[in-house]
N, C-alpha and C. Protein backbone atom coordinates (compact mmCIF):
# COMPACT_ATOMS: atom_id res chain seq x y z
N MET A 1 0.87 -1.07 -0.12
CA MET A 1 0.05 -0.52 0.20
C MET A 1 0.90 1.14 0.36
N SER A 2 0.54 2.09 -0.72
CA SER A 2 1.55 3.21 -1.15
C SER A 2 1.04 4.47 0.07
N ALA A 3 1.82 5.17 0.02
CA ALA A 3 1.19 6.39 1.04
C ALA A 3 1.01 7.51 -0.11
N PRO A 4 -0.53 8.88 0.19
CA PRO A 4 -1.10 9.33 -0.74
C PRO A 4 0.00 10.37 -0.84
N GLU A 5 -0.15 10.50 -2.58
CA GLU A 5 1.25 11.41 -2.83
C GLU A 5 0.83 12.78 -2.43
N GLU A 6 2.09 13.79 -1.51
CA GLU A 6 1.78 14.81 -1.02
C GLU A 6 1.85 15.71 -2.61
N LYS A 7 0.84 17.26 -2.41
CA LYS A 7 0.69 17.82 -3.26
C LYS A 7 1.97 19.21 -2.80
N LYS A 8 2.85 19.58 -4.16
CA LYS A 8 3.60 20.49 -4.09
C LYS A 8 3.12 21.79 -3.82
N LYS A 9 3.70 22.84 -3.31
CA LYS A 9 3.05 24.17 -2.91
C LYS A 9 3.13 24.33 -4.32
N GLY A 10 1.93 25.07 -4.96
CA GLY A 10 1.78 25.93 -6.07
C GLY A 10 1.38 25.15 -7.00
N GLU A 11 0.92 23.69 -6.71
CA GLU A 11 0.34 22.71 -7.80
C GLU A 11 -1.21 22.80 -7.53
N ILE A 12 -2.29 23.08 -8.07
CA ILE A 12 -3.21 23.35 -8.31
C ILE A 12 -3.94 21.79 -7.76
N ASP A 13 -4.94 22.33 -6.69
CA ASP A 13 -5.53 20.86 -6.25
C ASP A 13 -7.00 20.95 -6.87
N TRP A 14 -7.67 20.33 -8.05
CA TRP A 14 -8.67 20.59 -8.52
C TRP A 14 -9.76 20.11 -7.58
N SER A 15 -9.72 19.38 -7.22
CA SER A 15 -10.72 18.18 -6.01
C SER A 15 -11.19 19.78 -5.07
N LYS A 16 -9.89 20.48 -4.44
CA LYS A 16 -10.72 21.34 -3.77
C LYS A 16 -11.17 22.48 -4.51
N ILE A 17 -11.19 22.63 -5.58
CA ILE A 17 -11.85 23.53 -6.60
C ILE A 17 -13.09 23.48 -6.51
N GLY A 18 -13.14 22.24 -6.75
CA GLY A 18 -14.61 21.42 -7.45
C GLY A 18 -15.16 21.74 -6.33
N PHE A 19 -14.96 21.17 -5.28
CA PHE A 19 -15.65 21.29 -3.74
C PHE A 19 -16.09 22.30 -3.29
N GLN A 20 -15.33 23.69 -3.82
CA GLN A 20 -15.65 25.05 -3.02
C GLN A 20 -16.65 25.57 -4.37
N VAL A 21 -16.65 25.07 -5.56
CA VAL A 21 -17.62 25.39 -6.51
C VAL A 21 -19.00 24.65 -5.79
N ALA A 22 -18.76 23.98 -6.06
CA ALA A 22 -20.39 22.63 -5.49
C ALA A 22 -20.89 23.60 -4.19
N ILE A 23 -19.71 23.93 -2.99
CA ILE A 23 -20.83 24.47 -1.82
C ILE A 23 -21.33 26.08 -2.62
N CYS A 24 -20.81 26.67 -3.47
CA CYS A 24 -20.82 27.87 -4.02
C CYS A 24 -22.05 28.08 -4.24
N SER A 25 -22.69 27.00 -5.42
CA SER A 25 -23.63 26.60 -5.77
C SER A 25 -24.86 26.55 -5.30
N VAL A 26 -24.56 25.66 -4.15
CA VAL A 26 -25.32 24.79 -3.71
C VAL A 26 -26.08 26.22 -2.72
N SER A 27 -25.03 27.12 -1.73
CA SER A 27 -25.83 28.24 -1.08
C SER A 27 -25.90 29.35 -1.66
N HIS A 28 -25.71 29.68 -3.22
CA HIS A 28 -25.84 30.39 -3.93
C HIS A 28 -27.45 31.15 -3.69
N PRO A 29 -28.40 30.72 -3.34
CA PRO A 29 -29.91 31.10 -3.20
C PRO A 29 -29.81 32.52 -1.94
N VAL A 30 -29.29 31.61 -1.04
CA VAL A 30 -29.05 32.15 0.07
C VAL A 30 -28.50 33.50 0.17
N THR A 31 -27.00 33.26 -0.61
CA THR A 31 -26.11 34.42 -0.70
C THR A 31 -26.91 35.16 -1.49
N GLN A 32 -27.59 34.92 -2.32
CA GLN A 32 -28.13 36.17 -3.35
C GLN A 32 -29.38 37.00 -2.49
N ALA A 33 -30.00 35.82 -1.57
CA ALA A 33 -31.15 36.59 -0.88
C ALA A 33 -30.13 37.85 -0.19
N ARG A 34 -28.87 37.15 0.63
CA ARG A 34 -28.63 38.13 1.66
C ARG A 34 -28.00 39.49 0.79
N HIS A 35 -27.53 39.18 -0.45
CA HIS A 35 -27.04 40.35 -0.90
C HIS A 35 -28.71 41.68 -1.37
N LEU A 36 -29.44 40.96 -1.75
CA LEU A 36 -30.71 41.87 -2.03
C LEU A 36 -31.39 42.31 -0.65
N ILE A 37 -31.08 41.61 0.76
CA ILE A 37 -31.58 42.21 1.43
C ILE A 37 -30.55 43.44 2.17
N GLN A 38 -29.21 43.21 1.53
CA GLN A 38 -28.38 44.39 1.99
C GLN A 38 -28.81 45.60 0.91
N LEU A 39 -29.39 45.21 -0.23
CA LEU A 39 -29.37 46.31 -1.13
C LEU A 39 -30.96 46.91 -0.73
N GLY A 40 -31.48 46.38 0.43
CA GLY A 40 -32.93 46.98 0.56
C GLY A 40 -33.82 46.68 0.03
N HIS A 41 -33.89 45.34 -0.90
CA HIS A 41 -34.93 44.83 -1.62
C HIS A 41 -35.51 43.74 -0.54
N GLU A 42 -36.89 44.41 -0.55
CA GLU A 42 -37.67 43.30 0.29
C GLU A 42 -38.88 43.03 -0.26
N PRO A 43 -39.20 41.78 -1.06
CA PRO A 43 -39.96 41.31 -2.17
C PRO A 43 -41.47 40.95 -1.33
N ALA A 44 -40.91 40.39 0.00
CA ALA A 44 -42.37 40.13 0.50
C ALA A 44 -42.64 40.92 1.56
N ALA A 45 -43.85 41.72 1.79
CA ALA A 45 -44.40 42.45 2.61
C ALA A 45 -44.49 41.83 4.33
N PRO A 46 -44.21 42.80 5.24
CA PRO A 46 -44.37 42.46 6.17
C PRO A 46 -46.05 41.83 6.54
N PHE A 47 -45.77 40.53 7.40
CA PHE A 47 -47.19 40.37 8.24
C PHE A 47 -47.40 40.63 9.63
N ARG A 48 -48.70 40.50 9.87
CA ARG A 48 -49.58 41.14 11.21
C ARG A 48 -49.18 39.78 12.04
N LYS A 49 -48.69 40.03 13.20
CA LYS A 49 -49.26 38.32 13.78
C LYS A 49 -49.00 38.61 15.45
N GLU A 50 -49.68 38.35 16.16
CA GLU A 50 -49.99 38.25 17.53
C GLU A 50 -48.39 37.81 18.40
N ALA A 51 -48.01 38.46 18.79
CA ALA A 51 -46.79 38.16 19.40
C ALA A 51 -46.55 37.54 20.26
N GLY A 52 -47.24 37.62 21.40
CA GLY A 52 -47.25 36.94 22.56
C GLY A 52 -45.94 37.55 23.49
N PHE A 53 -45.00 36.76 23.79
CA PHE A 53 -44.36 37.01 24.82
C PHE A 53 -43.43 38.37 23.85
N LEU A 54 -43.42 37.83 22.79
CA LEU A 54 -42.19 38.63 21.56
C LEU A 54 -42.46 40.04 21.69
N LYS A 55 -44.18 40.36 22.17
CA LYS A 55 -44.45 41.66 22.25
C LYS A 55 -43.35 42.73 22.77
N ILE A 56 -42.90 42.30 24.08
CA ILE A 56 -41.85 43.06 24.67
C ILE A 56 -40.84 43.45 23.43
N PHE A 57 -40.09 42.62 22.51
CA PHE A 57 -39.36 43.21 21.66
C PHE A 57 -39.79 43.92 20.46
N ASN A 58 -40.92 43.35 19.95
CA ASN A 58 -41.16 43.76 19.18
C ASN A 58 -42.73 44.50 18.86
N PRO A 59 -43.32 45.82 19.99
CA PRO A 59 -44.36 45.84 20.07
C PRO A 59 -45.37 46.53 19.16
N GLY A 60 -44.84 46.97 17.55
CA GLY A 60 -45.77 47.04 16.42
C GLY A 60 -46.48 45.68 16.09
N GLY A 61 -45.90 44.45 16.35
CA GLY A 61 -46.53 43.49 15.75
C GLY A 61 -46.47 42.86 14.32
N ASN A 62 -45.26 43.59 13.84
CA ASN A 62 -45.16 43.60 12.28
C ASN A 62 -44.05 42.37 12.41
N PHE A 63 -44.05 41.36 11.65
CA PHE A 63 -42.96 40.63 11.55
C PHE A 63 -42.77 40.15 10.22
N TYR A 64 -41.22 40.27 9.46
CA TYR A 64 -40.81 39.94 8.18
C TYR A 64 -40.66 38.57 7.82
N ASN A 65 -41.06 38.03 7.01
CA ASN A 65 -40.97 36.66 6.42
C ASN A 65 -39.32 36.30 6.09
N GLY A 66 -39.27 35.10 6.50
CA GLY A 66 -37.63 34.84 6.70
C GLY A 66 -37.38 34.80 5.28
N VAL A 67 -35.70 34.46 5.46
CA VAL A 67 -35.29 34.40 3.96
C VAL A 67 -36.29 33.49 2.88
N PHE A 68 -36.22 32.19 3.15
CA PHE A 68 -36.85 31.49 2.89
C PHE A 68 -38.19 31.44 2.32
N THR A 69 -39.10 32.04 3.00
CA THR A 69 -40.57 32.75 2.41
C THR A 69 -40.56 33.41 1.60
N GLY A 70 -39.85 34.38 2.19
CA GLY A 70 -39.59 35.75 1.33
C GLY A 70 -39.18 35.83 -0.01
N TYR A 71 -37.69 35.14 -0.17
CA TYR A 71 -37.21 34.96 -1.49
C TYR A 71 -37.17 33.74 -1.93
N LEU A 72 -36.78 32.96 -1.58
CA LEU A 72 -36.69 31.26 -2.11
C LEU A 72 -38.14 30.70 -2.77
N LEU A 73 -39.52 31.30 -2.13
CA LEU A 73 -40.15 30.62 -2.16
C LEU A 73 -41.19 31.51 -2.45
N ASP A 74 -40.44 32.54 -2.76
CA ASP A 74 -42.07 33.75 -3.48
C ASP A 74 -41.97 33.32 -5.00
N ALA A 75 -43.35 33.85 -5.37
CA ALA A 75 -44.20 32.94 -6.64
C ALA A 75 -42.98 34.04 -7.86
N GLY A 76 -42.40 35.18 -7.24
CA GLY A 76 -41.93 35.89 -8.47
C GLY A 76 -40.53 35.65 -9.05
N LEU A 77 -39.89 34.50 -7.62
CA LEU A 77 -38.46 34.12 -7.33
C LEU A 77 -38.20 32.95 -8.34
N LEU A 78 -39.15 32.15 -8.32
CA LEU A 78 -39.23 30.69 -8.55
C LEU A 78 -38.61 30.50 -10.00
N SER A 79 -38.46 31.46 -11.04
CA SER A 79 -37.77 30.82 -12.23
C SER A 79 -36.32 30.31 -12.08
N ARG A 80 -35.86 29.50 -12.92
CA ARG A 80 -34.63 28.89 -12.87
C ARG A 80 -33.87 30.45 -13.34
N GLU A 81 -34.13 31.64 -14.21
CA GLU A 81 -33.06 32.66 -14.33
C GLU A 81 -32.96 33.38 -13.22
N VAL A 82 -33.92 33.26 -12.35
CA VAL A 82 -33.91 34.71 -11.49
C VAL A 82 -32.91 33.96 -10.34
N ILE A 83 -33.18 32.34 -9.95
CA ILE A 83 -32.71 31.81 -8.21
C ILE A 83 -31.22 31.60 -9.05
N TYR A 84 -30.66 31.72 -10.11
CA TYR A 84 -29.46 31.56 -10.97
C TYR A 84 -28.50 32.41 -11.34
N ALA A 85 -29.53 33.52 -11.10
CA ALA A 85 -28.84 35.21 -11.62
C ALA A 85 -27.41 35.33 -10.81
N GLY A 86 -26.15 35.34 -11.46
CA GLY A 86 -24.73 35.70 -10.98
C GLY A 86 -24.02 34.41 -10.29
N LEU A 87 -24.68 33.37 -10.75
CA LEU A 87 -24.29 31.88 -10.36
C LEU A 87 -22.82 31.68 -11.04
N VAL A 88 -22.84 31.78 -12.23
CA VAL A 88 -21.72 31.44 -13.46
C VAL A 88 -20.62 32.44 -12.87
N ALA A 89 -20.83 33.89 -12.63
CA ALA A 89 -19.66 34.94 -12.03
C ALA A 89 -19.53 34.38 -10.99
N LYS A 90 -20.16 33.97 -9.50
CA LYS A 90 -19.57 33.65 -8.67
C LYS A 90 -18.76 32.34 -8.30
N MET A 91 -19.06 31.41 -9.25
CA MET A 91 -18.54 30.41 -9.62
C MET A 91 -17.04 30.63 -10.39
N THR A 92 -16.95 31.56 -11.23
CA THR A 92 -16.00 31.74 -11.65
C THR A 92 -14.55 32.64 -10.95
N GLU A 93 -15.60 33.56 -10.07
CA GLU A 93 -15.07 34.03 -8.56
C GLU A 93 -14.33 33.11 -8.00
N THR A 94 -14.93 31.95 -7.33
CA THR A 94 -14.47 31.09 -6.48
C THR A 94 -13.34 30.33 -7.22
N CYS A 95 -13.30 30.30 -8.58
CA CYS A 95 -12.23 29.21 -9.06
C CYS A 95 -10.78 30.10 -9.20
N ILE A 96 -11.12 31.39 -9.66
CA ILE A 96 -9.89 32.47 -10.02
C ILE A 96 -9.13 32.56 -8.60
N SER A 97 -10.18 32.68 -7.29
CA SER A 97 -9.30 33.44 -6.41
C SER A 97 -8.72 32.28 -5.72
N SER A 98 -9.45 30.88 -5.78
CA SER A 98 -8.31 29.61 -5.35
C SER A 98 -7.24 29.52 -6.44
N ILE A 99 -7.23 29.79 -7.36
CA ILE A 99 -6.28 29.07 -8.51
C ILE A 99 -5.16 30.30 -8.17
N SER A 100 -5.56 31.50 -7.66
CA SER A 100 -4.69 32.66 -7.85
C SER A 100 -3.65 32.14 -6.23
N GLN A 101 -4.69 31.99 -5.53
CA GLN A 101 -4.19 32.03 -3.78
C GLN A 101 -3.01 30.55 -3.90
N THR A 102 -3.31 29.53 -4.82
CA THR A 102 -2.40 28.40 -5.07
C THR A 102 -1.31 28.96 -5.26
N LEU A 103 -1.03 29.62 -6.62
CA LEU A 103 -0.31 29.86 -7.31
C LEU A 103 0.98 30.75 -6.78
N VAL A 104 0.27 31.96 -5.84
CA VAL A 104 0.92 32.93 -5.32
C VAL A 104 1.70 32.29 -3.84
N GLU A 105 1.12 30.92 -3.41
CA GLU A 105 1.42 31.02 -2.05
C GLU A 105 3.14 30.74 -2.02
N PRO A 106 3.86 29.93 -2.99
CA PRO A 106 5.41 29.44 -3.08
C PRO A 106 5.92 30.64 -3.17
N VAL A 107 5.78 31.70 -4.01
CA VAL A 107 6.27 33.29 -3.79
C VAL A 107 5.96 33.76 -2.36
N VAL A 108 5.01 34.14 -2.05
CA VAL A 108 4.95 34.42 -0.96
C VAL A 108 6.03 33.72 0.40
N ASP A 109 5.66 32.55 0.32
CA ASP A 109 6.26 31.66 1.06
C ASP A 109 8.45 32.17 0.83
N ASP A 110 9.11 32.57 -0.33
CA ASP A 110 9.90 32.73 -0.12
C ASP A 110 10.45 34.03 0.28
N LEU A 111 9.27 34.80 -0.07
CA LEU A 111 9.27 36.07 0.78
C LEU A 111 9.63 36.50 2.22
N PHE A 112 9.44 35.62 3.09
CA PHE A 112 9.39 35.25 4.48
C PHE A 112 10.52 34.44 4.76
N LEU A 113 11.60 35.00 5.04
CA LEU A 113 13.16 34.66 5.40
C LEU A 113 12.81 33.53 6.66
N ASN A 114 12.40 34.40 7.60
CA ASN A 114 12.22 33.00 8.84
C ASN A 114 11.31 32.40 8.47
N LYS A 115 11.36 31.22 8.54
CA LYS A 115 10.56 30.13 8.03
C LYS A 115 9.85 28.99 9.39
N ASN A 116 10.57 29.46 10.88
CA ASN A 116 10.61 28.88 11.92
C ASN A 116 9.04 29.55 12.60
N TYR A 117 8.46 30.65 11.91
CA TYR A 117 7.27 31.42 12.61
C TYR A 117 6.32 30.21 13.31
N GLU A 118 6.18 29.35 12.45
CA GLU A 118 5.20 28.38 12.72
C GLU A 118 5.22 27.80 14.04
N LYS A 119 6.60 27.56 14.31
CA LYS A 119 6.84 26.85 15.82
C LYS A 119 6.77 27.78 16.93
N THR A 120 7.06 28.75 16.81
CA THR A 120 7.53 29.76 18.04
C THR A 120 6.15 30.47 17.72
N LYS A 121 5.83 31.30 18.87
CA LYS A 121 5.00 31.91 19.31
C LYS A 121 5.17 33.54 19.69
N SER A 122 6.08 34.39 19.48
CA SER A 122 6.60 35.63 19.88
C SER A 122 5.70 36.46 18.57
N PHE A 123 5.48 37.98 19.35
CA PHE A 123 4.65 38.75 18.33
C PHE A 123 5.33 38.80 17.17
N ASP A 124 6.50 39.24 16.62
CA ASP A 124 7.18 39.33 15.23
C ASP A 124 6.66 38.01 14.38
N ASP A 125 7.01 36.72 14.78
CA ASP A 125 6.21 35.73 14.27
C ASP A 125 4.84 35.58 13.97
N VAL A 126 4.08 35.69 14.62
CA VAL A 126 2.78 35.66 14.37
C VAL A 126 2.31 36.94 13.68
N LEU A 127 2.83 38.04 13.61
CA LEU A 127 2.68 39.08 12.95
C LEU A 127 3.16 38.59 11.78
N ALA A 128 4.21 37.90 11.33
CA ALA A 128 4.71 37.70 9.73
C ALA A 128 3.37 36.25 9.23
N LYS A 129 3.20 35.56 10.26
CA LYS A 129 2.39 34.80 9.80
C LYS A 129 1.03 35.21 9.27
N SER A 130 0.71 36.40 10.11
CA SER A 130 -0.49 37.15 9.51
C SER A 130 -0.51 37.53 8.44
N LEU A 131 0.52 38.47 8.42
CA LEU A 131 0.99 38.93 6.82
C LEU A 131 0.66 38.05 5.71
N LYS A 132 1.69 36.83 6.21
CA LYS A 132 1.56 36.27 4.71
C LYS A 132 0.44 35.77 4.45
N GLN A 133 -0.78 35.37 5.20
CA GLN A 133 -1.84 35.05 4.85
C GLN A 133 -2.76 36.08 4.49
N PHE A 134 -2.42 37.25 4.91
CA PHE A 134 -3.53 38.23 4.53
C PHE A 134 -2.72 38.63 2.70
N SER A 135 -1.75 38.32 2.45
CA SER A 135 -0.78 38.51 1.41
C SER A 135 -1.33 37.49 -0.07
N ILE A 136 -1.60 36.39 0.74
CA ILE A 136 -1.99 35.09 0.01
C ILE A 136 -3.71 35.19 -0.09
N GLN A 137 -4.17 35.72 0.65
CA GLN A 137 -5.91 35.76 0.43
C GLN A 137 -6.25 37.30 -0.28
N ALA A 138 -5.42 38.60 0.05
CA ALA A 138 -5.28 39.60 -0.78
C ALA A 138 -5.25 39.54 -2.67
N THR A 139 -4.19 38.53 -2.37
CA THR A 139 -4.29 38.40 -4.07
C THR A 139 -5.42 37.63 -4.82
N GLY A 140 -5.62 36.26 -3.22
CA GLY A 140 -6.92 35.97 -4.38
C GLY A 140 -8.36 36.98 -4.37
N ILE A 141 -8.25 37.87 -3.66
CA ILE A 141 -9.50 38.99 -3.89
C ILE A 141 -9.48 39.70 -4.62
N ILE A 142 -8.38 39.95 -4.93
CA ILE A 142 -8.17 41.33 -5.65
C ILE A 142 -8.08 40.52 -7.65
N CYS A 143 -7.61 39.08 -7.66
CA CYS A 143 -7.95 38.94 -9.26
C CYS A 143 -9.19 38.48 -9.29
N SER A 144 -9.71 38.06 -8.56
CA SER A 144 -10.96 37.57 -8.49
C SER A 144 -12.46 38.87 -8.12
N ARG A 145 -11.55 40.01 -8.11
CA ARG A 145 -13.13 41.05 -7.88
C ARG A 145 -13.99 41.31 -8.89
N PRO A 146 -13.43 41.56 -10.42
CA PRO A 146 -14.56 42.05 -10.98
C PRO A 146 -15.64 41.02 -11.14
N PHE A 147 -15.05 39.15 -11.19
CA PHE A 147 -16.63 38.54 -11.15
C PHE A 147 -16.97 38.78 -9.77
N CYS A 148 -16.65 39.40 -8.79
CA CYS A 148 -17.87 39.53 -7.91
C CYS A 148 -18.63 40.74 -7.97
N VAL A 149 -18.06 41.89 -8.36
CA VAL A 149 -18.93 42.84 -8.94
C VAL A 149 -19.90 43.20 -9.80
N ILE A 150 -19.64 41.72 -10.58
CA ILE A 150 -20.45 41.31 -11.95
C ILE A 150 -21.46 40.42 -11.28
N ALA A 151 -21.00 39.50 -10.43
CA ALA A 151 -22.24 38.83 -9.39
C ALA A 151 -23.09 38.98 -8.48
N ILE A 152 -22.65 40.59 -7.98
CA ILE A 152 -23.41 41.33 -6.87
C ILE A 152 -24.41 42.37 -8.35
N ARG A 153 -23.69 42.59 -9.63
CA ARG A 153 -24.80 43.43 -10.17
C ARG A 153 -25.61 42.39 -10.75
N GLN A 154 -25.47 41.39 -10.82
CA GLN A 154 -26.30 40.49 -11.41
C GLN A 154 -27.96 40.10 -10.88
N ILE A 155 -27.09 39.82 -9.28
CA ILE A 155 -27.68 39.53 -8.11
C ILE A 155 -28.58 41.32 -8.33
N ALA A 156 -28.47 42.04 -8.05
CA ALA A 156 -29.29 43.57 -7.99
C ALA A 156 -30.10 43.90 -9.24
N SER A 157 -29.94 43.20 -10.27
CA SER A 157 -30.57 43.30 -11.56
C SER A 157 -32.12 42.10 -11.00
N ILE A 158 -32.26 41.43 -9.97
CA ILE A 158 -33.30 41.13 -10.00
C ILE A 158 -34.05 41.75 -9.02
N ALA A 159 -33.98 42.92 -8.46
CA ALA A 159 -34.62 44.00 -7.71
C ALA A 159 -35.36 44.60 -8.75
N ASP A 160 -35.05 45.00 -9.87
CA ASP A 160 -35.56 45.69 -11.01
C ASP A 160 -36.09 45.09 -12.07
N GLY A 161 -36.27 44.10 -11.73
CA GLY A 161 -36.74 43.05 -13.05
C GLY A 161 -35.84 42.47 -14.42
N SER A 162 -35.18 43.04 -14.15
CA SER A 162 -34.10 42.79 -15.52
C SER A 162 -33.57 41.51 -15.82
N ASN A 163 -33.41 40.91 -14.54
CA ASN A 163 -32.42 39.98 -14.56
C ASN A 163 -31.19 39.58 -15.66
N GLU A 164 -30.01 40.30 -15.53
CA GLU A 164 -29.19 40.22 -16.56
C GLU A 164 -28.41 39.03 -16.20
N SER A 165 -28.05 38.18 -17.01
CA SER A 165 -27.37 36.90 -16.33
C SER A 165 -25.96 36.65 -17.28
N SER A 166 -25.66 37.00 -18.36
CA SER A 166 -24.73 37.09 -19.35
C SER A 166 -23.32 37.44 -18.36
N LEU A 167 -22.44 36.78 -18.68
CA LEU A 167 -21.28 37.13 -18.03
C LEU A 167 -20.68 37.83 -18.93
N ILE A 168 -20.78 37.34 -19.78
CA ILE A 168 -19.99 38.96 -21.13
C ILE A 168 -20.83 40.19 -21.21
N GLU A 169 -21.64 39.89 -20.91
CA GLU A 169 -22.40 41.42 -20.90
C GLU A 169 -21.96 42.28 -19.52
N GLY A 170 -21.75 41.08 -18.50
CA GLY A 170 -21.16 41.95 -17.18
C GLY A 170 -19.78 42.54 -17.34
N LEU A 171 -19.03 41.95 -18.25
CA LEU A 171 -17.89 42.37 -18.03
C LEU A 171 -17.78 43.75 -18.91
N LYS A 172 -18.70 43.55 -20.48
CA LYS A 172 -18.51 44.93 -21.05
C LYS A 172 -19.04 45.93 -20.08
N GLY A 173 -20.56 45.93 -19.31
CA GLY A 173 -20.66 46.74 -18.52
C GLY A 173 -19.83 47.55 -17.82
N ILE A 174 -19.10 46.53 -16.78
CA ILE A 174 -18.00 46.99 -15.86
C ILE A 174 -16.62 47.87 -16.56
N ALA A 175 -16.81 47.35 -17.59
CA ALA A 175 -15.19 47.83 -18.32
C ALA A 175 -15.86 49.20 -19.00
N SER A 176 -17.47 49.15 -19.50
CA SER A 176 -17.96 50.73 -19.90
C SER A 176 -17.42 51.57 -18.62
N GLU A 177 -17.74 51.45 -17.51
CA GLU A 177 -18.07 52.31 -16.32
C GLU A 177 -16.97 52.22 -15.56
N ASN A 178 -16.05 51.34 -15.72
CA ASN A 178 -14.73 51.18 -15.25
C ASN A 178 -14.36 51.04 -14.15
N ALA A 179 -15.25 50.00 -13.92
CA ALA A 179 -15.26 49.16 -12.43
C ALA A 179 -15.19 48.11 -11.91
N TRP A 180 -13.74 47.74 -12.71
CA TRP A 180 -13.53 46.67 -12.36
C TRP A 180 -13.11 46.40 -11.03
N PHE A 181 -12.68 47.09 -9.84
CA PHE A 181 -12.52 46.95 -8.41
C PHE A 181 -13.55 47.48 -7.33
N THR A 182 -14.72 47.81 -7.74
CA THR A 182 -15.33 48.68 -7.25
C THR A 182 -15.69 47.79 -5.62
N GLY A 183 -15.42 48.36 -4.64
CA GLY A 183 -15.94 48.11 -3.20
C GLY A 183 -14.31 47.35 -2.69
N LEU A 184 -13.25 47.33 -3.67
CA LEU A 184 -12.27 46.64 -3.09
C LEU A 184 -11.61 46.85 -1.72
N VAL A 185 -11.72 48.06 -1.64
CA VAL A 185 -10.73 48.46 -0.32
C VAL A 185 -11.57 48.03 0.67
N PRO A 186 -13.40 48.14 0.96
CA PRO A 186 -13.83 47.53 1.90
C PRO A 186 -13.38 46.31 2.51
N ARG A 187 -13.37 45.10 0.99
CA ARG A 187 -13.35 43.99 0.94
C ARG A 187 -11.74 43.73 1.61
N LEU A 188 -10.83 44.32 1.17
CA LEU A 188 -9.93 43.85 1.63
C LEU A 188 -9.50 44.35 2.89
N LEU A 189 -10.28 45.35 3.69
CA LEU A 189 -10.43 45.83 5.25
C LEU A 189 -11.22 44.89 5.84
N HIS A 190 -11.92 44.22 5.20
CA HIS A 190 -12.53 43.15 6.03
C HIS A 190 -12.27 41.79 6.28
N GLU A 191 -10.74 41.60 5.44
CA GLU A 191 -9.55 40.52 5.90
C GLU A 191 -8.84 41.18 6.99
C-alpha cells in the first residue's frame, strides 16, 4: 500500500476547487437573498401576527418573512433565470480566487525568510504569519474582484426585474464604467 502523494506548493488541487464551486452553487440562493437584503430589496411584505411574549421586543406586531419564505419561495423568484442570477460569475470568482491563491503561495513563502514562525509564538512571528496569510488572501480577492462585482450586479438586477445573467455582458458593463475593482478596499479591510 503506497502513501498518498503529497501536493507540492503551487500545484493546483482541482478536487478542492470543485468542492468550493459545489458549495458555492448550493449556497447561492441564500447568498443571493443576503445581497438583496443588503441592497434594501424586500419582496415579501411584513405580515401581522400576535407576538405573545415577543411583544416586548416587537411592540408593533409586524414580522418580516424569513429568507426562505420571502425570497426563495416567493412566486416571482421561482424561475431558474432568477434563482441562478449571478451564479456563473460567483463560480468563476471562486475558481480564480482559489487558483491565484495557490499559485502565489510559494512566492509569498519565499519572501518570508524566517520560516520557523510556525513553531514559535513571539509577536514578530505571529505578525509575519498573519501578513503572509493576508498577502495570499488579498491576491485571491484582487484577482477575482471583477467577477464578484459582476455577480453582485446580476443579483441586484433581480430587484428591478431585468435579470441580466450573461457573463460577457457583465464584463462589458464593468469595462464601460471602469468598475473593475469597485468595493475592493472595504473587502480587503474586512480580511
